[in-house]
Amino acid sequence: LGNRPVLIASDVTSKFTERESSFSSIIGHIKSVIDNTKGNVAVFAPSYSMLGRIHEEFEKSGWCPKKIIKEEQRMSKARVEGLISRLYEQRDMRGVALFGVLSGKLSEGVDYSDNVLNALVCVGLPLPPPSARQDALLEYYTKKFDRSRAWKYASLQPAVNSILQALGRPIRKKEDRAIVILLEKRLLERRVNDCMPEMQTMQTSKPTRTAERVKAFFEI
């Protein structure tokens, strides 16, 4: 499996029209990772609203075997540092399930040293929501290039970049080991995959398959 296997789930998406039908399976994949990971797990959602929903599933069920930590909007630097220190405190015990957002403070601004993250889950593709700024950006790129490339530069590439930023969190040194699970079937589409660097990935088609892959990784 190597030091940093990347699994892409082919059965789920954060796409608005399919989000509800994917949700229980998304939760299933996350549970599979938390259940079978020795150590700390980070779960990054595409937005604060989705983060809230996912976090609530774990909080209200009382199921989670790990200590749960959640990113809040507009957290101070001291608060962020306090959350991260708990990863180091808990790593040799049951571990932490850290819930944050893609493009947030925990997925981009933090250096997780000493291989403190053992597994990473990225949920969905964080495409920017409609806004006046987004419309202006699309218009600018459309004039400069064409409509399809405009969408790539204004929406798709920034969303993929958020995932790539998160991917770099668990692996800081050559000898670090962590497993990465990307819960978004659109990453398997060619136009999305073209925005990503060359890397070896494997597919997972359901939560039980994810559980097997994660378990196998920690048994090596």
C-alpha atoms as a PDB file:
ATOM      1  CA  LEU A   1       0.000   0.000   0.000  1.00  0.00           C
ATOM      2  CA  GLY A   2       2.971   2.343   0.432  1.00  0.00           C
ATOM      3  CA  ASN A   3       3.425   5.190   2.917  1.00  0.00           C
ATOM      4  CA  ARG A   4       0.506   7.307   1.770  1.00  0.00           C
ATOM      5  CA  PRO A   5      -2.175   5.343  -0.075  1.00  0.00           C
ATOM      6  CA  VAL A   6      -5.002   7.472  -1.493  1.00  0.00           C
ATOM      7  CA  LEU A   7      -8.455   5.910  -1.762  1.00  0.00           C
ATOM      8  CA  ILE A   8     -11.200   7.577  -3.830  1.00  0.00           C
ATOM      9  CA  ALA A   9     -14.794   6.563  -3.097  1.00  0.00           C
ATOM     10  CA  SER A  10     -16.866   5.921  -6.215  1.00  0.00           C
ATOM     11  CA  ASP A  11     -20.219   5.807  -4.398  1.00  0.00           C
ATOM     12  CA  VAL A  12     -20.540   9.259  -2.796  1.00  0.00           C
ATOM     13  CA  THR A  13     -20.513  12.957  -3.705  1.00  0.00           C
ATOM     14  CA  SER A  14     -21.187  16.365  -2.157  1.00  0.00           C
ATOM     15  CA  LYS A  15     -22.861  17.450  -5.414  1.00  0.00           C
ATOM     16  CA  PHE A  16     -26.011  19.312  -4.359  1.00  0.00           C
ATOM     17  CA  THR A  17     -28.478  17.128  -6.287  1.00  0.00           C
ATOM     18  CA  GLU A  18     -27.013  13.888  -4.881  1.00  0.00           C
ATOM     19  CA  ARG A  19     -25.840  15.002  -1.456  1.00  0.00           C
ATOM     20  CA  GLU A  20     -28.810  13.660   0.511  1.00  0.00           C
ATOM     21  CA  SER A  21     -28.682  10.232  -1.110  1.00  0.00           C
ATOM     22  CA  SER A  22     -24.909  10.081  -0.432  1.00  0.00           C
ATOM     23  CA  PHE A  23     -25.012  11.263   3.173  1.00  0.00           C
ATOM     24  CA  SER A  24     -25.502   7.976   5.042  1.00  0.00           C
ATOM     25  CA  SER A  25     -22.775   6.352   2.953  1.00  0.00           C
ATOM     26  CA  ILE A  26     -20.424   9.304   3.646  1.00  0.00           C
ATOM     27  CA  ILE A  27     -21.004   8.739   7.377  1.00  0.00           C
ATOM     28  CA  GLY A  28     -20.388   4.997   6.839  1.00  0.00           C
ATOM     29  CA  HIS A  29     -17.025   5.638   5.170  1.00  0.00           C
ATOM     30  CA  ILE A  30     -15.945   8.032   7.954  1.00  0.00           C
ATOM     31  CA  LYS A  31     -16.944   5.480  10.617  1.00  0.00           C
ATOM     32  CA  SER A  32     -14.955   2.805   8.763  1.00  0.00           C
ATOM     33  CA  VAL A  33     -11.860   5.006   8.880  1.00  0.00           C
ATOM     34  CA  ILE A  34     -12.248   6.017  12.549  1.00  0.00           C
ATOM     35  CA  ASP A  35     -12.961   2.426  13.605  1.00  0.00           C
ATOM     36  CA  ASN A  36      -9.896   0.974  11.898  1.00  0.00           C
ATOM     37  CA  THR A  37      -7.307   3.706  12.429  1.00  0.00           C
ATOM     38  CA  LYS A  38      -4.698   3.394  15.140  1.00  0.00           C
ATOM     39  CA  GLY A  39      -4.194   6.980  16.257  1.00  0.00           C
ATOM     40  CA  ASN A  40      -5.598  10.313  15.092  1.00  0.00           C
ATOM     41  CA  VAL A  41      -8.007  10.930  12.197  1.00  0.00           C
ATOM     42  CA  ALA A  42      -8.752  14.283  10.536  1.00  0.00           C
ATOM     43  CA  VAL A  43     -12.051  14.700   8.666  1.00  0.00           C
ATOM     44  CA  PHE A  44     -12.411  17.791   6.461  1.00  0.00           C
ATOM     45  CA  ALA A  45     -15.828  18.761   5.060  1.00  0.00           C
ATOM     46  CA  PRO A  46     -16.500  21.057   2.074  1.00  0.00           C
ATOM     47  CA  SER A  47     -18.355  23.706   4.128  1.00  0.00           C
ATOM     48  CA  TYR A  48     -19.223  24.655   7.705  1.00  0.00           C
ATOM     49  CA  SER A  49     -22.845  23.586   7.229  1.00  0.00           C
ATOM     50  CA  MET A  50     -21.810  20.114   6.048  1.00  0.00           C
ATOM     51  CA  LEU A  51     -19.223  19.963   8.840  1.00  0.00           C
ATOM     52  CA  GLY A  52     -22.024  20.666  11.329  1.00  0.00           C
ATOM     53  CA  ARG A  53     -24.167  17.839   9.946  1.00  0.00           C
ATOM     54  CA  ILE A  54     -21.342  15.293   9.922  1.00  0.00           C
ATOM     55  CA  HIS A  55     -20.131  16.260  13.401  1.00  0.00           C
ATOM     56  CA  GLU A  56     -23.693  16.052  14.781  1.00  0.00           C
ATOM     57  CA  GLU A  57     -24.023  12.460  13.488  1.00  0.00           C
ATOM     58  CA  PHE A  58     -21.071  11.435  15.623  1.00  0.00           C
ATOM     59  CA  GLU A  59     -21.927  13.574  18.657  1.00  0.00           C
ATOM     60  CA  LYS A  60     -25.559  12.510  18.974  1.00  0.00           C
ATOM     61  CA  SER A  61     -24.889   8.804  18.376  1.00  0.00           C
ATOM     62  CA  GLY A  62     -22.350   8.704  21.201  1.00  0.00           C
ATOM     63  CA  TRP A  63     -20.638   5.993  19.152  1.00  0.00           C
ATOM     64  CA  CYS A  64     -17.240   7.524  18.429  1.00  0.00           C
ATOM     65  CA  PRO A  65     -14.411   5.573  20.105  1.00  0.00           C
ATOM     66  CA  LYS A  66     -12.081   8.566  19.767  1.00  0.00           C
ATOM     67  CA  LYS A  67     -12.113  11.976  21.408  1.00  0.00           C
ATOM     68  CA  ILE A  68     -14.044  14.400  19.144  1.00  0.00           C
ATOM     69  CA  ILE A  69     -12.696  17.870  18.345  1.00  0.00           C
ATOM     70  CA  LYS A  70     -14.444  20.318  15.998  1.00  0.00           C
ATOM     71  CA  GLU A  71     -13.215  23.422  14.199  1.00  0.00           C
ATOM     72  CA  GLU A  72     -15.232  26.579  14.871  1.00  0.00           C
ATOM     73  CA  GLN A  73     -15.509  29.546  12.535  1.00  0.00           C
ATOM     74  CA  ARG A  74     -13.145  32.425  13.346  1.00  0.00           C
ATOM     75  CA  MET A  75     -11.061  30.503  15.885  1.00  0.00           C
ATOM     76  CA  SER A  76      -8.180  32.372  17.497  1.00  0.00           C
ATOM     77  CA  LYS A  77      -4.589  31.228  17.011  1.00  0.00           C
ATOM     78  CA  ALA A  78      -4.423  30.173  20.667  1.00  0.00           C
ATOM     79  CA  ARG A  79      -7.607  28.093  20.294  1.00  0.00           C
ATOM     80  CA  VAL A  80      -6.193  26.351  17.191  1.00  0.00           C
ATOM     81  CA  GLU A  81      -2.944  25.582  19.019  1.00  0.00           C
ATOM     82  CA  GLY A  82      -4.942  24.224  21.961  1.00  0.00           C
ATOM     83  CA  LEU A  83      -6.875  21.836  19.698  1.00  0.00           C
ATOM     84  CA  ILE A  84      -3.720  20.618  17.969  1.00  0.00           C
ATOM     85  CA  SER A  85      -1.944  19.958  21.275  1.00  0.00           C
ATOM     86  CA  ARG A  86      -4.715  17.486  22.127  1.00  0.00           C
ATOM     87  CA  LEU A  87      -3.702  15.369  19.108  1.00  0.00           C
ATOM     88  CA  TYR A  88      -0.272  14.908  20.664  1.00  0.00           C
ATOM     89  CA  GLU A  89      -1.733  14.205  24.131  1.00  0.00           C
ATOM     90  CA  GLN A  90      -4.132  11.532  22.862  1.00  0.00           C
ATOM     91  CA  ARG A  91      -2.052   9.873  20.135  1.00  0.00           C
ATOM     92  CA  ASP A  92      -0.907   6.910  22.267  1.00  0.00           C
ATOM     93  CA  MET A  93      -4.320   6.487  23.851  1.00  0.00           C
ATOM     94  CA  ARG A  94      -7.550   6.118  21.875  1.00  0.00           C
ATOM     95  CA  GLY A  95      -6.698   9.011  19.538  1.00  0.00           C
ATOM     96  CA  VAL A  96      -8.684  11.998  18.311  1.00  0.00           C
ATOM     97  CA  ALA A  97     -11.255  12.472  15.547  1.00  0.00           C
ATOM     98  CA  LEU A  98     -10.637  16.023  14.367  1.00  0.00           C
ATOM     99  CA  PHE A  99     -13.472  17.574  12.328  1.00  0.00           C
ATOM    100  CA  GLY A 100     -12.674  20.638  10.197  1.00  0.00           C
ATOM    101  CA  VAL A 101     -13.334  22.270   6.828  1.00  0.00           C
ATOM    102  CA  LEU A 102     -11.403  22.266   3.566  1.00  0.00           C
ATOM    103  CA  SER A 103      -9.699  25.673   3.122  1.00  0.00           C
ATOM    104  CA  GLY A 104     -10.099  26.203   6.878  1.00  0.00           C
ATOM    105  CA  LYS A 105      -7.509  26.854   9.566  1.00  0.00           C
ATOM    106  CA  LEU A 106      -7.015  23.176  10.385  1.00  0.00           C
ATOM    107  CA  SER A 107      -6.696  21.947   6.786  1.00  0.00           C
ATOM    108  CA  GLU A 108      -4.265  24.605   5.524  1.00  0.00           C
ATOM    109  CA  GLY A 109      -2.592  26.639   8.232  1.00  0.00           C
ATOM    110  CA  VAL A 110      -1.356  23.936  10.588  1.00  0.00           C
ATOM    111  CA  ASP A 111       1.856  21.933  10.510  1.00  0.00           C
ATOM    112  CA  TYR A 112       1.062  18.449  11.848  1.00  0.00           C
ATOM    113  CA  SER A 113       4.602  17.410  12.773  1.00  0.00           C
ATOM    114  CA  ASP A 114       5.877  14.055  14.115  1.00  0.00           C
ATOM    115  CA  ASN A 115       3.387  12.076  12.004  1.00  0.00           C
ATOM    116  CA  VAL A 116       0.610  13.032  14.457  1.00  0.00           C
ATOM    117  CA  LEU A 117      -2.128  12.427  11.858  1.00  0.00           C
ATOM    118  CA  ASN A 118      -2.573   8.776  10.940  1.00  0.00           C
ATOM    119  CA  ALA A 119      -5.565   9.039   8.604  1.00  0.00           C
ATOM    120  CA  LEU A 120      -7.194  11.829   6.642  1.00  0.00           C
ATOM    121  CA  VAL A 121     -10.696  11.969   5.162  1.00  0.00           C
ATOM    122  CA  CYS A 122     -11.714  14.714   2.712  1.00  0.00           C
ATOM    123  CA  VAL A 123     -15.444  14.914   2.054  1.00  0.00           C
ATOM    124  CA  GLY A 124     -16.688  16.229  -1.288  1.00  0.00           C
ATOM    125  CA  LEU A 125     -15.423  18.840  -3.702  1.00  0.00           C
ATOM    126  CA  PRO A 126     -15.555  22.344  -2.158  1.00  0.00           C
ATOM    127  CA  LEU A 127     -16.695  24.308  -5.223  1.00  0.00           C
ATOM    128  CA  PRO A 128     -17.204  27.986  -4.350  1.00  0.00           C
ATOM    129  CA  PRO A 129     -20.868  28.939  -3.807  1.00  0.00           C
ATOM    130  CA  PRO A 130     -22.522  31.441  -6.191  1.00  0.00           C
ATOM    131  CA  SER A 131     -21.628  35.052  -5.381  1.00  0.00           C
ATOM    132  CA  ALA A 132     -21.039  38.390  -7.089  1.00  0.00           C
ATOM    133  CA  ARG A 133     -17.292  37.834  -6.776  1.00  0.00           C
ATOM    134  CA  GLN A 134     -17.569  34.377  -8.340  1.00  0.00           C
ATOM    135  CA  ASP A 135     -19.672  35.734 -11.224  1.00  0.00           C
ATOM    136  CA  ALA A 136     -17.096  38.469 -11.871  1.00  0.00           C
ATOM    137  CA  LEU A 137     -14.275  35.922 -11.848  1.00  0.00           C
ATOM    138  CA  LEU A 138     -16.132  33.672 -14.315  1.00  0.00           C
ATOM    139  CA  GLU A 139     -16.794  36.624 -16.595  1.00  0.00           C
ATOM    140  CA  TYR A 140     -13.150  37.675 -16.487  1.00  0.00           C
ATOM    141  CA  TYR A 141     -11.871  34.200 -17.412  1.00  0.00           C
ATOM    142  CA  THR A 142     -14.557  33.736 -20.072  1.00  0.00           C
ATOM    143  CA  LYS A 143     -13.396  36.908 -21.828  1.00  0.00           C
ATOM    144  CA  LYS A 144      -9.776  35.863 -21.501  1.00  0.00           C
ATOM    145  CA  PHE A 145     -10.207  32.194 -22.525  1.00  0.00           C
ATOM    146  CA  ASP A 146     -13.554  30.449 -23.093  1.00  0.00           C
ATOM    147  CA  ARG A 147     -16.506  29.266 -20.995  1.00  0.00           C
ATOM    148  CA  SER A 148     -15.219  25.777 -20.109  1.00  0.00           C
ATOM    149  CA  ARG A 149     -11.735  26.979 -19.180  1.00  0.00           C
ATOM    150  CA  ALA A 150     -13.286  29.850 -17.237  1.00  0.00           C
ATOM    151  CA  TRP A 151     -15.153  27.365 -15.039  1.00  0.00           C
ATOM    152  CA  LYS A 152     -11.974  25.340 -14.568  1.00  0.00           C
ATOM    153  CA  TYR A 153      -9.892  28.331 -13.461  1.00  0.00           C
ATOM    154  CA  ALA A 154     -12.560  30.113 -11.397  1.00  0.00           C
ATOM    155  CA  SER A 155     -14.236  27.149  -9.683  1.00  0.00           C
ATOM    156  CA  LEU A 156     -12.804  23.708 -10.284  1.00  0.00           C
ATOM    157  CA  GLN A 157      -9.061  24.262  -9.825  1.00  0.00           C
ATOM    158  CA  PRO A 158      -9.447  26.236  -6.550  1.00  0.00           C
ATOM    159  CA  ALA A 159     -11.677  23.422  -5.199  1.00  0.00           C
ATOM    160  CA  VAL A 160      -9.137  20.746  -6.158  1.00  0.00           C
ATOM    161  CA  ASN A 161      -6.333  22.881  -4.682  1.00  0.00           C
ATOM    162  CA  SER A 162      -8.166  22.880  -1.319  1.00  0.00           C
ATOM    163  CA  ILE A 163      -8.121  19.081  -1.341  1.00  0.00           C
ATOM    164  CA  LEU A 164      -4.434  19.027  -2.341  1.00  0.00           C
ATOM    165  CA  GLN A 165      -3.600  21.404   0.534  1.00  0.00           C
ATOM    166  CA  ALA A 166      -5.333  19.039   2.954  1.00  0.00           C
ATOM    167  CA  LEU A 167      -3.533  16.032   1.415  1.00  0.00           C
ATOM    168  CA  GLY A 168      -0.226  17.526   2.445  1.00  0.00           C
ATOM    169  CA  ARG A 169      -1.174  17.773   6.141  1.00  0.00           C
ATOM    170  CA  PRO A 170      -0.424  14.232   7.379  1.00  0.00           C
ATOM    171  CA  ILE A 171       2.815  13.699   5.462  1.00  0.00           C
ATOM    172  CA  ARG A 172       5.502  16.202   6.416  1.00  0.00           C
ATOM    173  CA  LYS A 173       8.562  13.966   6.104  1.00  0.00           C
ATOM    174  CA  LYS A 174       9.548  11.089   3.818  1.00  0.00           C
ATOM    175  CA  GLU A 175       9.155   8.462   6.524  1.00  0.00           C
ATOM    176  CA  ASP A 176       5.700   9.634   7.711  1.00  0.00           C
ATOM    177  CA  ARG A 177       2.837   7.171   7.166  1.00  0.00           C
ATOM    178  CA  ALA A 178      -0.854   7.986   6.785  1.00  0.00           C
ATOM    179  CA  ILE A 179      -3.814   6.790   4.755  1.00  0.00           C
ATOM    180  CA  VAL A 180      -5.943   9.275   2.797  1.00  0.00           C
ATOM    181  CA  ILE A 181      -9.579   8.748   1.835  1.00  0.00           C
ATOM    182  CA  LEU A 182     -11.291  11.112  -0.634  1.00  0.00           C
ATOM    183  CA  LEU A 183     -15.082  10.821  -0.457  1.00  0.00           C
ATOM    184  CA  GLU A 184     -16.013  12.258  -3.856  1.00  0.00           C
ATOM    185  CA  LYS A 185     -16.731  10.295  -7.029  1.00  0.00           C
ATOM    186  CA  ARG A 186     -16.261  13.410  -9.214  1.00  0.00           C
ATOM    187  CA  LEU A 187     -12.517  13.110  -8.558  1.00  0.00           C
ATOM    188  CA  LEU A 188     -12.640  10.067 -10.851  1.00  0.00           C
ATOM    189  CA  GLU A 189     -13.972  12.163 -13.764  1.00  0.00           C
ATOM    190  CA  ARG A 190     -11.337  13.061 -16.293  1.00  0.00           C
ATOM    191  CA  ARG A 191     -11.877  16.835 -16.252  1.00  0.00           C
ATOM    192  CA  VAL A 192     -11.476  16.876 -12.449  1.00  0.00           C
ATOM    193  CA  ASN A 193      -8.630  14.368 -12.401  1.00  0.00           C
ATOM    194  CA  ASP A 194      -6.779  16.517 -14.953  1.00  0.00           C
ATOM    195  CA  CYS A 195      -6.542  19.252 -12.295  1.00  0.00           C
ATOM    196  CA  MET A 196      -4.644  16.933  -9.958  1.00  0.00           C
ATOM    197  CA  PRO A 197      -0.960  15.984 -10.042  1.00  0.00           C
ATOM    198  CA  GLU A 198       0.110  12.482 -11.051  1.00  0.00           C
ATOM    199  CA  MET A 199      -0.476  10.175  -8.127  1.00  0.00           C
ATOM    200  CA  GLN A 200      -1.392   6.580  -7.590  1.00  0.00           C
ATOM    201  CA  THR A 201      -4.882   6.087  -6.254  1.00  0.00           C
ATOM    202  CA  MET A 202      -7.158   3.159  -5.496  1.00  0.00           C
ATOM    203  CA  GLN A 203     -10.920   3.061  -5.604  1.00  0.00           C
ATOM    204  CA  THR A 204     -13.237   2.112  -2.804  1.00  0.00           C
ATOM    205  CA  SER A 205     -16.868   1.426  -3.624  1.00  0.00           C
ATOM    206  CA  LYS A 206     -18.501   1.138  -0.186  1.00  0.00           C
ATOM    207  CA  PRO A 207     -17.791   1.663   3.530  1.00  0.00           C
ATOM    208  CA  THR A 208     -16.982  -2.037   4.178  1.00  0.00           C
ATOM    209  CA  ARG A 209     -14.335  -1.913   1.442  1.00  0.00           C
ATOM    210  CA  THR A 210     -12.870   1.235   3.005  1.00  0.00           C
ATOM    211  CA  ALA A 211     -12.758  -0.550   6.371  1.00  0.00           C
ATOM    212  CA  GLU A 212     -10.778  -3.432   4.801  1.00  0.00           C
ATOM    213  CA  ARG A 213      -8.279  -1.077   3.140  1.00  0.00           C
ATOM    214  CA  VAL A 214      -7.709   0.993   6.279  1.00  0.00           C
ATOM    215  CA  LYS A 215      -7.363  -2.096   8.483  1.00  0.00           C
ATOM    216  CA  ALA A 216      -4.837  -3.618   6.044  1.00  0.00           C
ATOM    217  CA  PHE A 217      -2.790  -0.385   6.030  1.00  0.00           C
ATOM    218  CA  PHE A 218      -2.373  -0.365   9.827  1.00  0.00           C
ATOM    219  CA  GLU A 219      -1.517  -4.063   9.931  1.00  0.00           C
ATOM    220  CA  ILE A 220       1.559  -3.603   7.708  1.00  0.00           C
END
